[in-house]
Amino acid sequence: MHLVRTHTFRGKRWRFIWETVRGNAVGYAERPGQTIQIDPRYCGRELLETIIHESLHACVWDLDEEAVTMTARDIARLLWRLGYRTEEDME
């Protein structure tokens, strides 16, 4: 998988860290450091949903966790139905 190192959300550059996240989390967005951490052990739809979830936090920081979770799940489900897959998912 091509791992993105940075991405700009709403005019601010965020750094992506691809390593195990503390606790039980799959991903984490930290606003003061503008860092998104994603656990690279995950794949498929769960990884897609996590990337969307943390990206939503970066874009709309004031959304509550429930709204972010529901929105990320719905977007991931749509993209999955449309055929989104990484090369690793196809193997």
PDB file of N, CA and C in Angstrom:
ATOM      1  N   MET A   1       0.840  -1.173   0.000  1.00  0.00           N
ATOM      2  CA  MET A   1       0.000   0.000   0.000  1.00  0.00           C
ATOM      3  C   MET A   1       0.887   1.239   0.000  1.00  0.00           C
ATOM      4  N   HIS A   2       0.509   2.213  -0.788  1.00  0.00           N
ATOM      5  CA  HIS A   2       1.215   3.489  -0.800  1.00  0.00           C
ATOM      6  C   HIS A   2       0.761   4.285   0.425  1.00  0.00           C
ATOM      7  N   LEU A   3       1.658   4.513   1.356  1.00  0.00           N
ATOM      8  CA  LEU A   3       1.305   5.205   2.586  1.00  0.00           C
ATOM      9  C   LEU A   3       1.539   6.704   2.440  1.00  0.00           C
ATOM     10  N   VAL A   4       0.481   7.469   2.591  1.00  0.00           N
ATOM     11  CA  VAL A   4       0.541   8.922   2.506  1.00  0.00           C
ATOM     12  C   VAL A   4       1.245   9.455   3.744  1.00  0.00           C
ATOM     13  N   ARG A   5       2.121  10.415   3.562  1.00  0.00           N
ATOM     14  CA  ARG A   5       2.847  10.994   4.706  1.00  0.00           C
ATOM     15  C   ARG A   5       2.202  12.291   5.188  1.00  0.00           C
ATOM     16  N   THR A   6       1.631  13.058   4.274  1.00  0.00           N
ATOM     17  CA  THR A   6       0.937  14.292   4.646  1.00  0.00           C
ATOM     18  C   THR A   6      -0.267  14.473   3.739  1.00  0.00           C
ATOM     19  N   HIS A   7      -1.224  15.250   4.223  1.00  0.00           N
ATOM     20  CA  HIS A   7      -2.383  15.621   3.409  1.00  0.00           C
ATOM     21  C   HIS A   7      -2.929  16.927   3.957  1.00  0.00           C
ATOM     22  N   THR A   8      -3.429  17.771   3.062  1.00  0.00           N
ATOM     23  CA  THR A   8      -3.991  19.054   3.477  1.00  0.00           C
ATOM     24  C   THR A   8      -5.503  18.934   3.561  1.00  0.00           C
ATOM     25  N   PHE A   9      -6.036  19.254   4.735  1.00  0.00           N
ATOM     26  CA  PHE A   9      -7.473  19.296   4.986  1.00  0.00           C
ATOM     27  C   PHE A   9      -7.845  20.729   5.333  1.00  0.00           C
ATOM     28  N   ARG A  10      -8.743  21.308   4.546  1.00  0.00           N
ATOM     29  CA  ARG A  10      -9.229  22.663   4.800  1.00  0.00           C
ATOM     30  C   ARG A  10      -8.085  23.657   5.026  1.00  0.00           C
ATOM     31  N   GLY A  11      -7.072  23.553   4.183  1.00  0.00           N
ATOM     32  CA  GLY A  11      -5.972  24.507   4.198  1.00  0.00           C
ATOM     33  C   GLY A  11      -4.881  24.247   5.219  1.00  0.00           C
ATOM     34  N   LYS A  12      -4.992  23.165   5.995  1.00  0.00           N
ATOM     35  CA  LYS A  12      -3.968  22.849   6.997  1.00  0.00           C
ATOM     36  C   LYS A  12      -3.358  21.481   6.693  1.00  0.00           C
ATOM     37  N   ARG A  13      -2.027  21.450   6.729  1.00  0.00           N
ATOM     38  CA  ARG A  13      -1.323  20.210   6.441  1.00  0.00           C
ATOM     39  C   ARG A  13      -1.296  19.330   7.682  1.00  0.00           C
ATOM     40  N   TRP A  14      -1.728  18.089   7.493  1.00  0.00           N
ATOM     41  CA  TRP A  14      -1.722  17.080   8.555  1.00  0.00           C
ATOM     42  C   TRP A  14      -0.699  16.023   8.207  1.00  0.00           C
ATOM     43  N   ARG A  15      -0.028  15.524   9.217  1.00  0.00           N
ATOM     44  CA  ARG A  15       0.973  14.468   9.051  1.00  0.00           C
ATOM     45  C   ARG A  15       0.330  13.128   9.396  1.00  0.00           C
ATOM     46  N   PHE A  16       0.551  12.126   8.550  1.00  0.00           N
ATOM     47  CA  PHE A  16       0.058  10.767   8.802  1.00  0.00           C
ATOM     48  C   PHE A  16       1.182   9.922   9.383  1.00  0.00           C
ATOM     49  N   ILE A  17       0.860   9.191  10.442  1.00  0.00           N
ATOM     50  CA  ILE A  17       1.787   8.242  11.059  1.00  0.00           C
ATOM     51  C   ILE A  17       1.134   6.870  10.956  1.00  0.00           C
ATOM     52  N   TRP A  18       1.840   5.935  10.364  1.00  0.00           N
ATOM     53  CA  TRP A  18       1.321   4.582  10.156  1.00  0.00           C
ATOM     54  C   TRP A  18       1.982   3.637  11.145  1.00  0.00           C
ATOM     55  N   GLU A  19       1.425   3.554  12.345  1.00  0.00           N
ATOM     56  CA  GLU A  19       1.948   2.657  13.375  1.00  0.00           C
ATOM     57  C   GLU A  19       0.834   2.336  14.361  1.00  0.00           C
ATOM     58  N   THR A  20       1.070   1.335  15.180  1.00  0.00           N
ATOM     59  CA  THR A  20       0.072   0.900  16.154  1.00  0.00           C
ATOM     60  C   THR A  20      -0.359   2.074  17.026  1.00  0.00           C
ATOM     61  N   VAL A  21      -1.661   2.188  17.219  1.00  0.00           N
ATOM     62  CA  VAL A  21      -2.241   3.284  17.998  1.00  0.00           C
ATOM     63  C   VAL A  21      -2.388   2.828  19.443  1.00  0.00           C
ATOM     64  N   ARG A  22      -2.218   3.749  20.362  1.00  0.00           N
ATOM     65  CA  ARG A  22      -2.337   3.418  21.789  1.00  0.00           C
ATOM     66  C   ARG A  22      -3.742   2.936  22.132  1.00  0.00           C
ATOM     67  N   GLY A  23      -3.828   2.069  23.127  1.00  0.00           N
ATOM     68  CA  GLY A  23      -5.119   1.543  23.564  1.00  0.00           C
ATOM     69  C   GLY A  23      -5.746   0.631  22.530  1.00  0.00           C
ATOM     70  N   ASN A  24      -7.059   0.668  22.450  1.00  0.00           N
ATOM     71  CA  ASN A  24      -7.803  -0.188  21.520  1.00  0.00           C
ATOM     72  C   ASN A  24      -8.143   0.513  20.210  1.00  0.00           C
ATOM     73  N   ALA A  25      -7.685   1.728  20.035  1.00  0.00           N
ATOM     74  CA  ALA A  25      -8.051   2.513  18.857  1.00  0.00           C
ATOM     75  C   ALA A  25      -7.383   1.967  17.598  1.00  0.00           C
ATOM     76  N   VAL A  26      -8.056   2.168  16.476  1.00  0.00           N
ATOM     77  CA  VAL A  26      -7.512   1.814  15.166  1.00  0.00           C
ATOM     78  C   VAL A  26      -6.869   3.044  14.536  1.00  0.00           C
ATOM     79  N   GLY A  27      -7.374   4.224  14.926  1.00  0.00           N
ATOM     80  CA  GLY A  27      -6.846   5.480  14.423  1.00  0.00           C
ATOM     81  C   GLY A  27      -7.027   6.572  15.451  1.00  0.00           C
ATOM     82  N   TYR A  28      -6.332   7.695  15.217  1.00  0.00           N
ATOM     83  CA  TYR A  28      -6.384   8.785  16.172  1.00  0.00           C
ATOM     84  C   TYR A  28      -5.990  10.069  15.451  1.00  0.00           C
ATOM     85  N   ALA A  29      -6.744  11.139  15.692  1.00  0.00           N
ATOM     86  CA  ALA A  29      -6.403  12.453  15.147  1.00  0.00           C
ATOM     87  C   ALA A  29      -6.093  13.388  16.308  1.00  0.00           C
ATOM     88  N   GLU A  30      -4.947  14.050  16.230  1.00  0.00           N
ATOM     89  CA  GLU A  30      -4.527  14.980  17.273  1.00  0.00           C
ATOM     90  C   GLU A  30      -4.431  16.365  16.659  1.00  0.00           C
ATOM     91  N   ARG A  31      -5.313  17.234  17.096  1.00  0.00           N
ATOM     92  CA  ARG A  31      -5.395  18.548  16.483  1.00  0.00           C
ATOM     93  C   ARG A  31      -4.211  19.454  16.782  1.00  0.00           C
ATOM     94  N   PRO A  32      -3.748  19.581  18.029  1.00  0.00           N
ATOM     95  CA  PRO A  32      -2.635  20.514  18.241  1.00  0.00           C
ATOM     96  C   PRO A  32      -1.413  20.193  17.373  1.00  0.00           C
ATOM     97  N   GLY A  33      -1.099  18.924  17.203  1.00  0.00           N
ATOM     98  CA  GLY A  33       0.046  18.538  16.382  1.00  0.00           C
ATOM     99  C   GLY A  33      -0.316  18.298  14.940  1.00  0.00           C
ATOM    100  N   GLN A  34      -1.609  18.400  14.623  1.00  0.00           N
ATOM    101  CA  GLN A  34      -2.114  18.104  13.288  1.00  0.00           C
ATOM    102  C   GLN A  34      -1.530  16.806  12.760  1.00  0.00           C
ATOM    103  N   THR A  35      -1.765  15.765  13.553  1.00  0.00           N
ATOM    104  CA  THR A  35      -1.256  14.434  13.243  1.00  0.00           C
ATOM    105  C   THR A  35      -2.397  13.433  13.234  1.00  0.00           C
ATOM    106  N   ILE A  36      -2.393  12.564  12.238  1.00  0.00           N
ATOM    107  CA  ILE A  36      -3.334  11.451  12.166  1.00  0.00           C
ATOM    108  C   ILE A  36      -2.514  10.173  12.230  1.00  0.00           C
ATOM    109  N   GLN A  37      -2.867   9.322  13.162  1.00  0.00           N
ATOM    110  CA  GLN A  37      -2.167   8.051  13.324  1.00  0.00           C
ATOM    111  C   GLN A  37      -3.126   6.929  12.945  1.00  0.00           C
ATOM    112  N   ILE A  38      -2.685   6.042  12.077  1.00  0.00           N
ATOM    113  CA  ILE A  38      -3.487   4.920  11.591  1.00  0.00           C
ATOM    114  C   ILE A  38      -2.717   3.625  11.835  1.00  0.00           C
ATOM    115  N   ASP A  39      -3.394   2.638  12.396  1.00  0.00           N
ATOM    116  CA  ASP A  39      -2.777   1.338  12.630  1.00  0.00           C
ATOM    117  C   ASP A  39      -2.700   0.586  11.300  1.00  0.00           C
ATOM    118  N   PRO A  40      -1.501   0.335  10.777  1.00  0.00           N
ATOM    119  CA  PRO A  40      -1.343  -0.283   9.455  1.00  0.00           C
ATOM    120  C   PRO A  40      -1.667  -1.774   9.414  1.00  0.00           C
ATOM    121  N   ARG A  41      -1.948  -2.375  10.570  1.00  0.00           N
ATOM    122  CA  ARG A  41      -2.261  -3.811  10.579  1.00  0.00           C
ATOM    123  C   ARG A  41      -3.651  -4.076  10.016  1.00  0.00           C
ATOM    124  N   TYR A  42      -4.473  -3.052   9.924  1.00  0.00           N
ATOM    125  CA  TYR A  42      -5.836  -3.229   9.429  1.00  0.00           C
ATOM    126  C   TYR A  42      -5.849  -3.092   7.918  1.00  0.00           C
ATOM    127  N   CYS A  43      -6.889  -3.622   7.300  1.00  0.00           N
ATOM    128  CA  CYS A  43      -7.002  -3.553   5.850  1.00  0.00           C
ATOM    129  C   CYS A  43      -8.482  -3.534   5.468  1.00  0.00           C
ATOM    130  N   GLY A  44      -8.726  -3.495   4.198  1.00  0.00           N
ATOM    131  CA  GLY A  44     -10.088  -3.576   3.688  1.00  0.00           C
ATOM    132  C   GLY A  44     -10.980  -2.440   4.153  1.00  0.00           C
ATOM    133  N   ARG A  45     -12.244  -2.781   4.319  1.00  0.00           N
ATOM    134  CA  ARG A  45     -13.249  -1.780   4.663  1.00  0.00           C
ATOM    135  C   ARG A  45     -12.981  -1.136   6.022  1.00  0.00           C
ATOM    136  N   GLU A  46     -12.422  -1.882   6.964  1.00  0.00           N
ATOM    137  CA  GLU A  46     -12.126  -1.302   8.277  1.00  0.00           C
ATOM    138  C   GLU A  46     -11.060  -0.208   8.163  1.00  0.00           C
ATOM    139  N   LEU A  47     -10.031  -0.430   7.355  1.00  0.00           N
ATOM    140  CA  LEU A  47      -9.013   0.590   7.143  1.00  0.00           C
ATOM    141  C   LEU A  47      -9.612   1.802   6.442  1.00  0.00           C
ATOM    142  N   LEU A  48     -10.412   1.564   5.416  1.00  0.00           N
ATOM    143  CA  LEU A  48     -11.065   2.648   4.689  1.00  0.00           C
ATOM    144  C   LEU A  48     -11.900   3.496   5.647  1.00  0.00           C
ATOM    145  N   GLU A  49     -12.715   2.846   6.468  1.00  0.00           N
ATOM    146  CA  GLU A  49     -13.569   3.568   7.405  1.00  0.00           C
ATOM    147  C   GLU A  49     -12.738   4.374   8.407  1.00  0.00           C
ATOM    148  N   THR A  50     -11.634   3.808   8.856  1.00  0.00           N
ATOM    149  CA  THR A  50     -10.772   4.504   9.812  1.00  0.00           C
ATOM    150  C   THR A  50     -10.134   5.743   9.195  1.00  0.00           C
ATOM    151  N   ILE A  51      -9.655   5.627   7.971  1.00  0.00           N
ATOM    152  CA  ILE A  51      -9.051   6.774   7.285  1.00  0.00           C
ATOM    153  C   ILE A  51     -10.094   7.874   7.097  1.00  0.00           C
ATOM    154  N   ILE A  52     -11.303   7.512   6.689  1.00  0.00           N
ATOM    155  CA  ILE A  52     -12.374   8.501   6.535  1.00  0.00           C
ATOM    156  C   ILE A  52     -12.700   9.131   7.879  1.00  0.00           C
ATOM    157  N   HIS A  53     -12.812   8.312   8.921  1.00  0.00           N
ATOM    158  CA  HIS A  53     -13.156   8.787  10.260  1.00  0.00           C
ATOM    159  C   HIS A  53     -12.155   9.842  10.745  1.00  0.00           C
ATOM    160  N   GLU A  54     -10.876   9.516  10.669  1.00  0.00           N
ATOM    161  CA  GLU A  54      -9.861  10.452  11.158  1.00  0.00           C
ATOM    162  C   GLU A  54      -9.755  11.678  10.259  1.00  0.00           C
ATOM    163  N   SER A  55      -9.997  11.513   8.972  1.00  0.00           N
ATOM    164  CA  SER A  55     -10.004  12.658   8.054  1.00  0.00           C
ATOM    165  C   SER A  55     -11.156  13.602   8.370  1.00  0.00           C
ATOM    166  N   LEU A  56     -12.304  13.047   8.748  1.00  0.00           N
ATOM    167  CA  LEU A  56     -13.429  13.894   9.157  1.00  0.00           C
ATOM    168  C   LEU A  56     -13.075  14.704  10.398  1.00  0.00           C
ATOM    169  N   HIS A  57     -12.390  14.090  11.346  1.00  0.00           N
ATOM    170  CA  HIS A  57     -11.938  14.849  12.519  1.00  0.00           C
ATOM    171  C   HIS A  57     -11.052  16.014  12.092  1.00  0.00           C
ATOM    172  N   ALA A  58     -10.170  15.786  11.128  1.00  0.00           N
ATOM    173  CA  ALA A  58      -9.277  16.841  10.658  1.00  0.00           C
ATOM    174  C   ALA A  58     -10.046  17.953   9.943  1.00  0.00           C
ATOM    175  N   CYS A  59     -11.067  17.581   9.204  1.00  0.00           N
ATOM    176  CA  CYS A  59     -11.836  18.560   8.424  1.00  0.00           C
ATOM    177  C   CYS A  59     -12.845  19.343   9.263  1.00  0.00           C
ATOM    178  N   VAL A  60     -13.517  18.639  10.144  1.00  0.00           N
ATOM    179  CA  VAL A  60     -14.618  19.242  10.912  1.00  0.00           C
ATOM    180  C   VAL A  60     -14.408  18.871  12.381  1.00  0.00           C
ATOM    181  N   TRP A  61     -13.463  19.541  13.011  1.00  0.00           N
ATOM    182  CA  TRP A  61     -13.030  19.181  14.353  1.00  0.00           C
ATOM    183  C   TRP A  61     -14.162  19.254  15.372  1.00  0.00           C
ATOM    184  N   ASP A  62     -15.154  20.102  15.157  1.00  0.00           N
ATOM    185  CA  ASP A  62     -16.211  20.306  16.156  1.00  0.00           C
ATOM    186  C   ASP A  62     -17.352  19.289  16.069  1.00  0.00           C
ATOM    187  N   LEU A  63     -17.324  18.369  15.114  1.00  0.00           N
ATOM    188  CA  LEU A  63     -18.346  17.317  15.067  1.00  0.00           C
ATOM    189  C   LEU A  63     -18.135  16.358  16.231  1.00  0.00           C
ATOM    190  N   ASP A  64     -19.242  15.923  16.841  1.00  0.00           N
ATOM    191  CA  ASP A  64     -19.083  14.975  17.942  1.00  0.00           C
ATOM    192  C   ASP A  64     -18.733  13.584  17.401  1.00  0.00           C
ATOM    193  N   GLU A  65     -18.246  12.738  18.285  1.00  0.00           N
ATOM    194  CA  GLU A  65     -17.737  11.415  17.903  1.00  0.00           C
ATOM    195  C   GLU A  65     -18.809  10.559  17.226  1.00  0.00           C
ATOM    196  N   GLU A  66     -20.028  10.623  17.710  1.00  0.00           N
ATOM    197  CA  GLU A  66     -21.104   9.817  17.118  1.00  0.00           C
ATOM    198  C   GLU A  66     -21.368  10.223  15.666  1.00  0.00           C
ATOM    199  N   ALA A  67     -21.396  11.527  15.403  1.00  0.00           N
ATOM    200  CA  ALA A  67     -21.624  12.009  14.037  1.00  0.00           C
ATOM    201  C   ALA A  67     -20.480  11.587  13.118  1.00  0.00           C
ATOM    202  N   VAL A  68     -19.247  11.691  13.596  1.00  0.00           N
ATOM    203  CA  VAL A  68     -18.082  11.284  12.801  1.00  0.00           C
ATOM    204  C   VAL A  68     -18.134   9.788  12.510  1.00  0.00           C
ATOM    205  N   THR A  69     -18.432   8.992  13.528  1.00  0.00           N
ATOM    206  CA  THR A  69     -18.483   7.540  13.362  1.00  0.00           C
ATOM    207  C   THR A  69     -19.548   7.129  12.360  1.00  0.00           C
ATOM    208  N   MET A  70     -20.741   7.681  12.493  1.00  0.00           N
ATOM    209  CA  MET A  70     -21.838   7.324  11.589  1.00  0.00           C
ATOM    210  C   MET A  70     -21.542   7.769  10.163  1.00  0.00           C
ATOM    211  N   THR A  71     -21.008   8.983  10.005  1.00  0.00           N
ATOM    212  CA  THR A  71     -20.706   9.503   8.667  1.00  0.00           C
ATOM    213  C   THR A  71     -19.602   8.689   8.001  1.00  0.00           C
ATOM    214  N   ALA A  72     -18.544   8.376   8.740  1.00  0.00           N
ATOM    215  CA  ALA A  72     -17.444   7.579   8.182  1.00  0.00           C
ATOM    216  C   ALA A  72     -17.934   6.202   7.765  1.00  0.00           C
ATOM    217  N   ARG A  73     -18.762   5.589   8.592  1.00  0.00           N
ATOM    218  CA  ARG A  73     -19.297   4.252   8.275  1.00  0.00           C
ATOM    219  C   ARG A  73     -20.131   4.305   6.987  1.00  0.00           C
ATOM    220  N   ASP A  74     -20.971   5.320   6.861  1.00  0.00           N
ATOM    221  CA  ASP A  74     -21.823   5.436   5.674  1.00  0.00           C
ATOM    222  C   ASP A  74     -21.012   5.691   4.405  1.00  0.00           C
ATOM    223  N   ILE A  75     -20.015   6.570   4.502  1.00  0.00           N
ATOM    224  CA  ILE A  75     -19.173   6.855   3.330  1.00  0.00           C
ATOM    225  C   ILE A  75     -18.354   5.620   2.951  1.00  0.00           C
ATOM    226  N   ALA A  76     -17.780   4.938   3.930  1.00  0.00           N
ATOM    227  CA  ALA A  76     -16.998   3.726   3.649  1.00  0.00           C
ATOM    228  C   ALA A  76     -17.863   2.655   3.005  1.00  0.00           C
ATOM    229  N   ARG A  77     -19.092   2.492   3.505  1.00  0.00           N
ATOM    230  CA  ARG A  77     -19.989   1.488   2.934  1.00  0.00           C
ATOM    231  C   ARG A  77     -20.306   1.822   1.472  1.00  0.00           C
ATOM    232  N   LEU A  78     -20.547   3.102   1.182  1.00  0.00           N
ATOM    233  CA  LEU A  78     -20.825   3.517  -0.198  1.00  0.00           C
ATOM    234  C   LEU A  78     -19.620   3.249  -1.099  1.00  0.00           C
ATOM    235  N   LEU A  79     -18.429   3.685  -0.675  1.00  0.00           N
ATOM    236  CA  LEU A  79     -17.241   3.476  -1.496  1.00  0.00           C
ATOM    237  C   LEU A  79     -16.960   1.991  -1.705  1.00  0.00           C
ATOM    238  N   TRP A  80     -17.201   1.183  -0.670  1.00  0.00           N
ATOM    239  CA  TRP A  80     -16.995  -0.262  -0.792  1.00  0.00           C
ATOM    240  C   TRP A  80     -17.962  -0.849  -1.818  1.00  0.00           C
ATOM    241  N   ARG A  81     -19.228  -0.401  -1.766  1.00  0.00           N
ATOM    242  CA  ARG A  81     -20.216  -0.883  -2.735  1.00  0.00           C
ATOM    243  C   ARG A  81     -19.859  -0.455  -4.155  1.00  0.00           C
ATOM    244  N   LEU A  82     -19.195   0.690  -4.294  1.00  0.00           N
ATOM    245  CA  LEU A  82     -18.776   1.179  -5.606  1.00  0.00           C
ATOM    246  C   LEU A  82     -17.528   0.463  -6.124  1.00  0.00           C
ATOM    247  N   GLY A  83     -16.928  -0.373  -5.264  1.00  0.00           N
ATOM    248  CA  GLY A  83     -15.801  -1.171  -5.714  1.00  0.00           C
ATOM    249  C   GLY A  83     -14.440  -0.696  -5.239  1.00  0.00           C
ATOM    250  N   TYR A  84     -14.403   0.282  -4.323  1.00  0.00           N
ATOM    251  CA  TYR A  84     -13.106   0.720  -3.815  1.00  0.00           C
ATOM    252  C   TYR A  84     -12.384  -0.450  -3.163  1.00  0.00           C
ATOM    253  N   ARG A  85     -11.123  -0.674  -3.561  1.00  0.00           N
ATOM    254  CA  ARG A  85     -10.271  -1.689  -2.950  1.00  0.00           C
ATOM    255  C   ARG A  85      -8.831  -1.234  -3.112  1.00  0.00           C
ATOM    256  N   THR A  86      -7.993  -1.573  -2.162  1.00  0.00           N
ATOM    257  CA  THR A  86      -6.560  -1.354  -2.339  1.00  0.00           C
ATOM    258  C   THR A  86      -5.996  -2.566  -3.074  1.00  0.00           C
ATOM    259  N   GLU A  87      -4.789  -2.451  -3.547  1.00  0.00           N
ATOM    260  CA  GLU A  87      -4.153  -3.585  -4.222  1.00  0.00           C
ATOM    261  C   GLU A  87      -4.054  -4.782  -3.281  1.00  0.00           C
ATOM    262  N   GLU A  88      -3.799  -4.510  -1.991  1.00  0.00           N
ATOM    263  CA  GLU A  88      -3.692  -5.588  -1.015  1.00  0.00           C
ATOM    264  C   GLU A  88      -5.023  -6.308  -0.834  1.00  0.00           C
ATOM    265  N   ASP A  89      -6.145  -5.581  -0.923  1.00  0.00           N
ATOM    266  CA  ASP A  89      -7.458  -6.196  -0.799  1.00  0.00           C
ATOM    267  C   ASP A  89      -7.731  -7.151  -1.965  1.00  0.00           C
ATOM    268  N   MET A  90      -7.110  -6.891  -3.107  1.00  0.00           N
ATOM    269  CA  MET A  90      -7.361  -7.677  -4.316  1.00  0.00           C
ATOM    270  C   MET A  90      -6.540  -8.963  -4.343  1.00  0.00           C
ATOM    271  N   GLU A  91      -5.539  -9.072  -3.486  1.00  0.00           N
ATOM    272  CA  GLU A  91      -4.664 -10.255  -3.506  1.00  0.00           C
ATOM    273  C   GLU A  91      -5.326 -11.438  -2.850  1.00  0.00           C
TER     274      GLU A  91
END
